[in-house]
């Protein structure tokens, strides 16, 4: 999809983002951002504001580890080369 619109618009992933790995994949496919509404609501429902903070910390850590495993230090360096070709 990102290839189809190229530079004409920004693509944001909304739905299916549950982990830091999902954020990495979305970014590698060309997304400018990812929505994490369900995870946000789960954190809010479980622990209120602290739950949302914890959810964001978990996603950040998962993304950090995933980037490290691909040898990437900066999110701006993430691209299709970080995805496995099956």
PDB file of N, CA and C in Angstrom:
ATOM      1  N   UNK A   1       0.830  -1.195   0.000  1.00  0.00           N
ATOM      2  CA  UNK A   1       0.000   0.000   0.000  1.00  0.00           C
ATOM      3  C   UNK A   1       0.866   1.247   0.000  1.00  0.00           C
ATOM      4  N   UNK A   2       1.907   1.257   0.815  1.00  0.00           N
ATOM      5  CA  UNK A   2       2.773   2.423   0.884  1.00  0.00           C
ATOM      6  C   UNK A   2       3.408   2.679  -0.475  1.00  0.00           C
ATOM      7  N   UNK A   3       3.801   1.616  -1.172  1.00  0.00           N
ATOM      8  CA  UNK A   3       4.372   1.776  -2.507  1.00  0.00           C
ATOM      9  C   UNK A   3       3.374   2.401  -3.483  1.00  0.00           C
ATOM     10  N   UNK A   4       2.103   2.098  -3.298  1.00  0.00           N
ATOM     11  CA  UNK A   4       1.074   2.595  -4.212  1.00  0.00           C
ATOM     12  C   UNK A   4       0.882   4.102  -4.105  1.00  0.00           C
ATOM     13  N   UNK A   5       1.011   4.650  -2.915  1.00  0.00           N
ATOM     14  CA  UNK A   5       0.779   6.089  -2.735  1.00  0.00           C
ATOM     15  C   UNK A   5       2.068   6.883  -2.715  1.00  0.00           C
ATOM     16  N   UNK A   6       3.197   6.184  -2.501  1.00  0.00           N
ATOM     17  CA  UNK A   6       4.495   6.847  -2.525  1.00  0.00           C
ATOM     18  C   UNK A   6       4.566   8.042  -1.608  1.00  0.00           C
ATOM     19  N   UNK A   7       4.996   9.149  -2.145  1.00  0.00           N
ATOM     20  CA  UNK A   7       5.152  10.376  -1.370  1.00  0.00           C
ATOM     21  C   UNK A   7       3.886  11.233  -1.353  1.00  0.00           C
ATOM     22  N   UNK A   8       2.788  10.741  -1.900  1.00  0.00           N
ATOM     23  CA  UNK A   8       1.569  11.536  -2.013  1.00  0.00           C
ATOM     24  C   UNK A   8       0.850  11.735  -0.685  1.00  0.00           C
ATOM     25  N   UNK A   9       1.036  10.826   0.250  1.00  0.00           N
ATOM     26  CA  UNK A   9       0.347  10.917   1.534  1.00  0.00           C
ATOM     27  C   UNK A   9       1.129  10.147   2.592  1.00  0.00           C
ATOM     28  N   UNK A  10       0.806  10.372   3.842  1.00  0.00           N
ATOM     29  CA  UNK A  10       1.395   9.597   4.925  1.00  0.00           C
ATOM     30  C   UNK A  10       0.525   8.380   5.193  1.00  0.00           C
ATOM     31  N   UNK A  11       1.148   7.268   5.519  1.00  0.00           N
ATOM     32  CA  UNK A  11       0.430   6.048   5.874  1.00  0.00           C
ATOM     33  C   UNK A  11       0.653   5.787   7.357  1.00  0.00           C
ATOM     34  N   UNK A  12      -0.436   5.564   8.074  1.00  0.00           N
ATOM     35  CA  UNK A  12      -0.398   5.224   9.501  1.00  0.00           C
ATOM     36  C   UNK A  12      -1.094   3.894   9.678  1.00  0.00           C
ATOM     37  N   UNK A  13      -0.523   3.029  10.506  1.00  0.00           N
ATOM     38  CA  UNK A  13      -1.157   1.746  10.807  1.00  0.00           C
ATOM     39  C   UNK A  13      -2.128   1.942  11.966  1.00  0.00           C
ATOM     40  N   UNK A  14      -3.338   1.500  11.788  1.00  0.00           N
ATOM     41  CA  UNK A  14      -4.349   1.571  12.839  1.00  0.00           C
ATOM     42  C   UNK A  14      -5.036   0.221  12.910  1.00  0.00           C
ATOM     43  N   UNK A  15      -4.667  -0.547  13.887  1.00  0.00           N
ATOM     44  CA  UNK A  15      -5.250  -1.876  14.046  1.00  0.00           C
ATOM     45  C   UNK A  15      -4.188  -2.941  13.923  1.00  0.00           C
ATOM     46  N   UNK A  16      -4.222  -3.885  14.822  1.00  0.00           N
ATOM     47  CA  UNK A  16      -3.282  -4.982  14.778  1.00  0.00           C
ATOM     48  C   UNK A  16      -1.949  -4.703  15.457  1.00  0.00           C
ATOM     49  N   UNK A  17      -1.761  -3.517  15.963  1.00  0.00           N
ATOM     50  CA  UNK A  17      -0.516  -3.181  16.656  1.00  0.00           C
ATOM     51  C   UNK A  17      -0.668  -3.592  18.117  1.00  0.00           C
ATOM     52  N   UNK A  18       0.062  -4.639  18.495  1.00  0.00           N
ATOM     53  CA  UNK A  18      -0.021  -5.155  19.869  1.00  0.00           C
ATOM     54  C   UNK A  18       1.332  -5.171  20.567  1.00  0.00           C
ATOM     55  N   UNK A  19       2.417  -5.171  19.767  1.00  0.00           N
ATOM     56  CA  UNK A  19       3.753  -5.308  20.341  1.00  0.00           C
ATOM     57  C   UNK A  19       4.720  -4.329  19.678  1.00  0.00           C
ATOM     58  N   UNK A  20       5.892  -4.223  20.276  1.00  0.00           N
ATOM     59  CA  UNK A  20       6.951  -3.419  19.673  1.00  0.00           C
ATOM     60  C   UNK A  20       7.378  -3.970  18.324  1.00  0.00           C
ATOM     61  N   UNK A  21       7.302  -5.301  18.173  1.00  0.00           N
ATOM     62  CA  UNK A  21       7.633  -5.930  16.897  1.00  0.00           C
ATOM     63  C   UNK A  21       6.672  -5.467  15.803  1.00  0.00           C
ATOM     64  N   UNK A  22       5.396  -5.313  16.156  1.00  0.00           N
ATOM     65  CA  UNK A  22       4.408  -4.826  15.190  1.00  0.00           C
ATOM     66  C   UNK A  22       4.741  -3.401  14.750  1.00  0.00           C
ATOM     67  N   UNK A  23       5.192  -2.579  15.686  1.00  0.00           N
ATOM     68  CA  UNK A  23       5.578  -1.202  15.355  1.00  0.00           C
ATOM     69  C   UNK A  23       6.771  -1.210  14.414  1.00  0.00           C
ATOM     70  N   UNK A  24       7.746  -2.084  14.674  1.00  0.00           N
ATOM     71  CA  UNK A  24       8.915  -2.196  13.805  1.00  0.00           C
ATOM     72  C   UNK A  24       8.500  -2.610  12.402  1.00  0.00           C
ATOM     73  N   UNK A  25       7.616  -3.605  12.294  1.00  0.00           N
ATOM     74  CA  UNK A  25       7.165  -4.073  10.983  1.00  0.00           C
ATOM     75  C   UNK A  25       6.414  -2.973  10.233  1.00  0.00           C
ATOM     76  N   UNK A  26       5.550  -2.260  10.931  1.00  0.00           N
ATOM     77  CA  UNK A  26       4.793  -1.176  10.291  1.00  0.00           C
ATOM     78  C   UNK A  26       5.741  -0.100   9.772  1.00  0.00           C
ATOM     79  N   UNK A  27       6.719   0.247  10.577  1.00  0.00           N
ATOM     80  CA  UNK A  27       7.697   1.266  10.177  1.00  0.00           C
ATOM     81  C   UNK A  27       8.522   0.770   8.994  1.00  0.00           C
ATOM     82  N   UNK A  28       8.932  -0.495   9.029  1.00  0.00           N
ATOM     83  CA  UNK A  28       9.717  -1.068   7.937  1.00  0.00           C
ATOM     84  C   UNK A  28       8.937  -1.064   6.618  1.00  0.00           C
ATOM     85  N   UNK A  29       7.625  -1.183   6.706  1.00  0.00           N
ATOM     86  CA  UNK A  29       6.788  -1.157   5.505  1.00  0.00           C
ATOM     87  C   UNK A  29       6.500   0.258   5.016  1.00  0.00           C
ATOM     88  N   UNK A  30       6.950   1.261   5.774  1.00  0.00           N
ATOM     89  CA  UNK A  30       6.806   2.638   5.325  1.00  0.00           C
ATOM     90  C   UNK A  30       5.835   3.498   6.104  1.00  0.00           C
ATOM     91  N   UNK A  31       5.230   2.957   7.150  1.00  0.00           N
ATOM     92  CA  UNK A  31       4.272   3.743   7.943  1.00  0.00           C
ATOM     93  C   UNK A  31       4.994   4.864   8.687  1.00  0.00           C
ATOM     94  N   UNK A  32       4.354   6.001   8.776  1.00  0.00           N
ATOM     95  CA  UNK A  32       4.896   7.135   9.524  1.00  0.00           C
ATOM     96  C   UNK A  32       4.533   7.052  11.002  1.00  0.00           C
ATOM     97  N   UNK A  33       3.553   6.216  11.338  1.00  0.00           N
ATOM     98  CA  UNK A  33       3.137   6.071  12.730  1.00  0.00           C
ATOM     99  C   UNK A  33       2.263   4.854  12.910  1.00  0.00           C
ATOM    100  N   UNK A  34       2.041   4.505  14.177  1.00  0.00           N
ATOM    101  CA  UNK A  34       1.213   3.352  14.523  1.00  0.00           C
ATOM    102  C   UNK A  34       0.279   3.726  15.661  1.00  0.00           C
ATOM    103  N   UNK A  35      -0.961   3.289  15.574  1.00  0.00           N
ATOM    104  CA  UNK A  35      -1.948   3.529  16.624  1.00  0.00           C
ATOM    105  C   UNK A  35      -1.983   2.316  17.557  1.00  0.00           C
ATOM    106  N   UNK A  36      -2.088   2.573  18.842  1.00  0.00           N
ATOM    107  CA  UNK A  36      -2.097   1.480  19.820  1.00  0.00           C
ATOM    108  C   UNK A  36      -3.304   1.604  20.743  1.00  0.00           C
ATOM    109  N   UNK A  37      -4.454   1.869  20.176  1.00  0.00           N
ATOM    110  CA  UNK A  37      -5.663   2.133  20.952  1.00  0.00           C
ATOM    111  C   UNK A  37      -6.078   1.028  21.896  1.00  0.00           C
ATOM    112  N   UNK A  38      -6.089  -0.204  21.432  1.00  0.00           N
ATOM    113  CA  UNK A  38      -6.552  -1.298  22.288  1.00  0.00           C
ATOM    114  C   UNK A  38      -5.609  -1.492  23.472  1.00  0.00           C
ATOM    115  N   UNK A  39      -4.297  -1.492  23.216  1.00  0.00           N
ATOM    116  CA  UNK A  39      -3.332  -1.643  24.304  1.00  0.00           C
ATOM    117  C   UNK A  39      -3.473  -0.495  25.301  1.00  0.00           C
ATOM    118  N   UNK A  40      -3.716   0.700  24.795  1.00  0.00           N
ATOM    119  CA  UNK A  40      -3.937   1.876  25.639  1.00  0.00           C
ATOM    120  C   UNK A  40      -5.142   1.656  26.559  1.00  0.00           C
ATOM    121  N   UNK A  41      -6.215   1.163  25.980  1.00  0.00           N
ATOM    122  CA  UNK A  41      -7.433   0.938  26.766  1.00  0.00           C
ATOM    123  C   UNK A  41      -7.263  -0.182  27.784  1.00  0.00           C
ATOM    124  N   UNK A  42      -6.537  -1.235  27.418  1.00  0.00           N
ATOM    125  CA  UNK A  42      -6.270  -2.310  28.375  1.00  0.00           C
ATOM    126  C   UNK A  42      -5.470  -1.778  29.560  1.00  0.00           C
ATOM    127  N   UNK A  43      -4.427  -1.011  29.280  1.00  0.00           N
ATOM    128  CA  UNK A  43      -3.616  -0.430  30.348  1.00  0.00           C
ATOM    129  C   UNK A  43      -4.424   0.504  31.217  1.00  0.00           C
ATOM    130  N   UNK A  44      -5.249   1.333  30.599  1.00  0.00           N
ATOM    131  CA  UNK A  44      -6.087   2.275  31.339  1.00  0.00           C
ATOM    132  C   UNK A  44      -7.082   1.534  32.219  1.00  0.00           C
ATOM    133  N   UNK A  45      -7.710   0.493  31.674  1.00  0.00           N
ATOM    134  CA  UNK A  45      -8.689  -0.268  32.435  1.00  0.00           C
ATOM    135  C   UNK A  45      -8.075  -1.043  33.591  1.00  0.00           C
ATOM    136  N   UNK A  46      -6.861  -1.519  33.398  1.00  0.00           N
ATOM    137  CA  UNK A  46      -6.220  -2.335  34.428  1.00  0.00           C
ATOM    138  C   UNK A  46      -5.633  -1.506  35.560  1.00  0.00           C
ATOM    139  N   UNK A  47      -4.986  -0.395  35.217  1.00  0.00           N
ATOM    140  CA  UNK A  47      -4.246   0.347  36.238  1.00  0.00           C
ATOM    141  C   UNK A  47      -4.355   1.861  36.109  1.00  0.00           C
ATOM    142  N   UNK A  48      -5.305   2.332  35.318  1.00  0.00           N
ATOM    143  CA  UNK A  48      -5.455   3.770  35.160  1.00  0.00           C
ATOM    144  C   UNK A  48      -4.253   4.376  34.451  1.00  0.00           C
ATOM    145  N   UNK A  49      -3.886   5.584  34.852  1.00  0.00           N
ATOM    146  CA  UNK A  49      -2.781   6.296  34.214  1.00  0.00           C
ATOM    147  C   UNK A  49      -1.475   5.491  34.290  1.00  0.00           C
ATOM    148  N   UNK A  50      -1.236   4.840  35.413  1.00  0.00           N
ATOM    149  CA  UNK A  50      -0.027   4.025  35.556  1.00  0.00           C
ATOM    150  C   UNK A  50      -0.015   2.872  34.559  1.00  0.00           C
ATOM    151  N   UNK A  51      -1.175   2.336  34.265  1.00  0.00           N
ATOM    152  CA  UNK A  51      -1.280   1.250  33.292  1.00  0.00           C
ATOM    153  C   UNK A  51      -0.918   1.701  31.887  1.00  0.00           C
ATOM    154  N   UNK A  52      -1.337   2.910  31.539  1.00  0.00           N
ATOM    155  CA  UNK A  52      -1.003   3.455  30.221  1.00  0.00           C
ATOM    156  C   UNK A  52       0.501   3.698  30.139  1.00  0.00           C
ATOM    157  N   UNK A  53       1.057   4.257  31.205  1.00  0.00           N
ATOM    158  CA  UNK A  53       2.504   4.481  31.240  1.00  0.00           C
ATOM    159  C   UNK A  53       3.261   3.167  31.111  1.00  0.00           C
ATOM    160  N   UNK A  54       2.822   2.148  31.837  1.00  0.00           N
ATOM    161  CA  UNK A  54       3.469   0.831  31.782  1.00  0.00           C
ATOM    162  C   UNK A  54       3.353   0.229  30.387  1.00  0.00           C
ATOM    163  N   UNK A  55       2.192   0.363  29.754  1.00  0.00           N
ATOM    164  CA  UNK A  55       1.992  -0.147  28.403  1.00  0.00           C
ATOM    165  C   UNK A  55       2.967   0.517  27.434  1.00  0.00           C
ATOM    166  N   UNK A  56       3.136   1.824  27.538  1.00  0.00           N
ATOM    167  CA  UNK A  56       4.065   2.538  26.664  1.00  0.00           C
ATOM    168  C   UNK A  56       5.507   2.106  26.922  1.00  0.00           C
ATOM    169  N   UNK A  57       5.847   1.882  28.184  1.00  0.00           N
ATOM    170  CA  UNK A  57       7.193   1.411  28.524  1.00  0.00           C
ATOM    171  C   UNK A  57       7.451   0.021  27.926  1.00  0.00           C
ATOM    172  N   UNK A  58       6.457  -0.852  28.003  1.00  0.00           N
ATOM    173  CA  UNK A  58       6.597  -2.200  27.448  1.00  0.00           C
ATOM    174  C   UNK A  58       6.781  -2.144  25.933  1.00  0.00           C
ATOM    175  N   UNK A  59       5.946  -1.362  25.248  1.00  0.00           N
ATOM    176  CA  UNK A  59       6.073  -1.239  23.795  1.00  0.00           C
ATOM    177  C   UNK A  59       7.439  -0.671  23.421  1.00  0.00           C
ATOM    178  N   UNK A  60       7.890   0.322  24.164  1.00  0.00           N
ATOM    179  CA  UNK A  60       9.194   0.932  23.889  1.00  0.00           C
ATOM    180  C   UNK A  60      10.314  -0.087  24.049  1.00  0.00           C
ATOM    181  N   UNK A  61      10.269  -0.875  25.113  1.00  0.00           N
ATOM    182  CA  UNK A  61      11.294  -1.891  25.357  1.00  0.00           C
ATOM    183  C   UNK A  61      11.265  -2.966  24.269  1.00  0.00           C
ATOM    184  N   UNK A  62      10.075  -3.418  23.901  1.00  0.00           N
ATOM    185  CA  UNK A  62       9.957  -4.419  22.839  1.00  0.00           C
ATOM    186  C   UNK A  62      10.504  -3.888  21.516  1.00  0.00           C
ATOM    187  N   UNK A  63      10.193  -2.646  21.200  1.00  0.00           N
ATOM    188  CA  UNK A  63      10.697  -2.031  19.972  1.00  0.00           C
ATOM    189  C   UNK A  63      12.211  -1.910  20.031  1.00  0.00           C
ATOM    190  N   UNK A  64      12.736  -1.491  21.177  1.00  0.00           N
ATOM    191  CA  UNK A  64      14.176  -1.346  21.350  1.00  0.00           C
ATOM    192  C   UNK A  64      14.893  -2.684  21.150  1.00  0.00           C
ATOM    193  N   UNK A  65      14.370  -3.743  21.767  1.00  0.00           N
ATOM    194  CA  UNK A  65      14.972  -5.076  21.629  1.00  0.00           C
ATOM    195  C   UNK A  65      14.874  -5.554  20.177  1.00  0.00           C
ATOM    196  N   UNK A  66      13.735  -5.356  19.549  1.00  0.00           N
ATOM    197  CA  UNK A  66      13.551  -5.778  18.158  1.00  0.00           C
ATOM    198  C   UNK A  66      14.517  -5.052  17.233  1.00  0.00           C
ATOM    199  N   UNK A  67      14.689  -3.762  17.460  1.00  0.00           N
ATOM    200  CA  UNK A  67      15.638  -3.008  16.647  1.00  0.00           C
ATOM    201  C   UNK A  67      17.057  -3.509  16.873  1.00  0.00           C
ATOM    202  N   UNK A  68      17.404  -3.792  18.125  1.00  0.00           N
ATOM    203  CA  UNK A  68      18.741  -4.307  18.431  1.00  0.00           C
ATOM    204  C   UNK A  68      18.982  -5.634  17.714  1.00  0.00           C
ATOM    205  N   UNK A  69      17.971  -6.484  17.681  1.00  0.00           N
ATOM    206  CA  UNK A  69      18.114  -7.784  17.016  1.00  0.00           C
ATOM    207  C   UNK A  69      18.297  -7.652  15.505  1.00  0.00           C
ATOM    208  N   UNK A  70      17.850  -6.539  14.933  1.00  0.00           N
ATOM    209  CA  UNK A  70      18.045  -6.302  13.499  1.00  0.00           C
ATOM    210  C   UNK A  70      19.291  -5.465  13.237  1.00  0.00           C
ATOM    211  N   UNK A  71      19.986  -5.080  14.301  1.00  0.00           N
ATOM    212  CA  UNK A  71      21.197  -4.279  14.146  1.00  0.00           C
ATOM    213  C   UNK A  71      20.922  -2.818  13.861  1.00  0.00           C
ATOM    214  N   UNK A  72      19.744  -2.345  14.229  1.00  0.00           N
ATOM    215  CA  UNK A  72      19.340  -0.974  13.955  1.00  0.00           C
ATOM    216  C   UNK A  72      19.333  -0.160  15.243  1.00  0.00           C
ATOM    217  N   UNK A  73      19.971   1.002  15.222  1.00  0.00           N
ATOM    218  CA  UNK A  73      20.044   1.847  16.410  1.00  0.00           C
ATOM    219  C   UNK A  73      19.081   3.031  16.366  1.00  0.00           C
ATOM    220  N   UNK A  74      18.636   3.391  15.176  1.00  0.00           N
ATOM    221  CA  UNK A  74      17.801   4.570  15.006  1.00  0.00           C
ATOM    222  C   UNK A  74      16.550   4.179  14.213  1.00  0.00           C
ATOM    223  N   UNK A  75      15.389   4.548  14.708  1.00  0.00           N
ATOM    224  CA  UNK A  75      14.130   4.188  14.043  1.00  0.00           C
ATOM    225  C   UNK A  75      14.078   4.729  12.613  1.00  0.00           C
ATOM    226  N   UNK A  76      14.794   5.813  12.356  1.00  0.00           N
ATOM    227  CA  UNK A  76      14.807   6.385  11.000  1.00  0.00           C
ATOM    228  C   UNK A  76      15.576   5.513  10.012  1.00  0.00           C
ATOM    229  N   UNK A  77      16.350   4.544  10.520  1.00  0.00           N
ATOM    230  CA  UNK A  77      17.104   3.631   9.664  1.00  0.00           C
ATOM    231  C   UNK A  77      16.315   2.366   9.329  1.00  0.00           C
ATOM    232  N   UNK A  78      15.146   2.188   9.932  1.00  0.00           N
ATOM    233  CA  UNK A  78      14.333   0.994   9.706  1.00  0.00           C
ATOM    234  C   UNK A  78      13.720   1.049   8.309  1.00  0.00           C
ATOM    235  N   UNK A  79      13.803  -0.063   7.615  1.00  0.00           N
ATOM    236  CA  UNK A  79      13.239  -0.144   6.258  1.00  0.00           C
ATOM    237  C   UNK A  79      12.944  -1.583   5.909  1.00  0.00           C
ATOM    238  N   UNK A  80      12.577  -1.794   4.671  1.00  0.00           N
ATOM    239  CA  UNK A  80      12.219  -3.150   4.209  1.00  0.00           C
ATOM    240  C   UNK A  80      13.353  -4.151   4.385  1.00  0.00           C
ATOM    241  N   UNK A  81      14.582  -3.664   4.408  1.00  0.00           N
ATOM    242  CA  UNK A  81      15.725  -4.559   4.586  1.00  0.00           C
ATOM    243  C   UNK A  81      15.691  -5.242   5.966  1.00  0.00           C
ATOM    244  N   UNK A  82      14.895  -4.717   6.900  1.00  0.00           N
ATOM    245  CA  UNK A  82      14.775  -5.316   8.224  1.00  0.00           C
ATOM    246  C   UNK A  82      13.759  -6.462   8.268  1.00  0.00           C
ATOM    247  N   UNK A  83      13.044  -6.684   7.188  1.00  0.00           N
ATOM    248  CA  UNK A  83      12.034  -7.728   7.125  1.00  0.00           C
ATOM    249  C   UNK A  83      12.578  -8.972   6.462  1.00  0.00           C
ATOM    250  N   UNK A  84      12.188 -10.136   6.954  1.00  0.00           N
ATOM    251  CA  UNK A  84      12.597 -11.400   6.348  1.00  0.00           C
ATOM    252  C   UNK A  84      11.780 -11.628   5.081  1.00  0.00           C
ATOM    253  N   UNK A  85      12.430 -12.116   4.076  1.00  0.00           N
ATOM    254  CA  UNK A  85      11.751 -12.463   2.815  1.00  0.00           C
ATOM    255  C   UNK A  85      11.436 -13.950   2.848  1.00  0.00           C
ATOM    256  N   UNK A  86      10.169 -14.307   2.915  1.00  0.00           N
ATOM    257  CA  UNK A  86       9.769 -15.715   2.954  1.00  0.00           C
ATOM    258  C   UNK A  86       9.236 -16.168   1.633  1.00  0.00           C
TER     259      UNK A  86
END
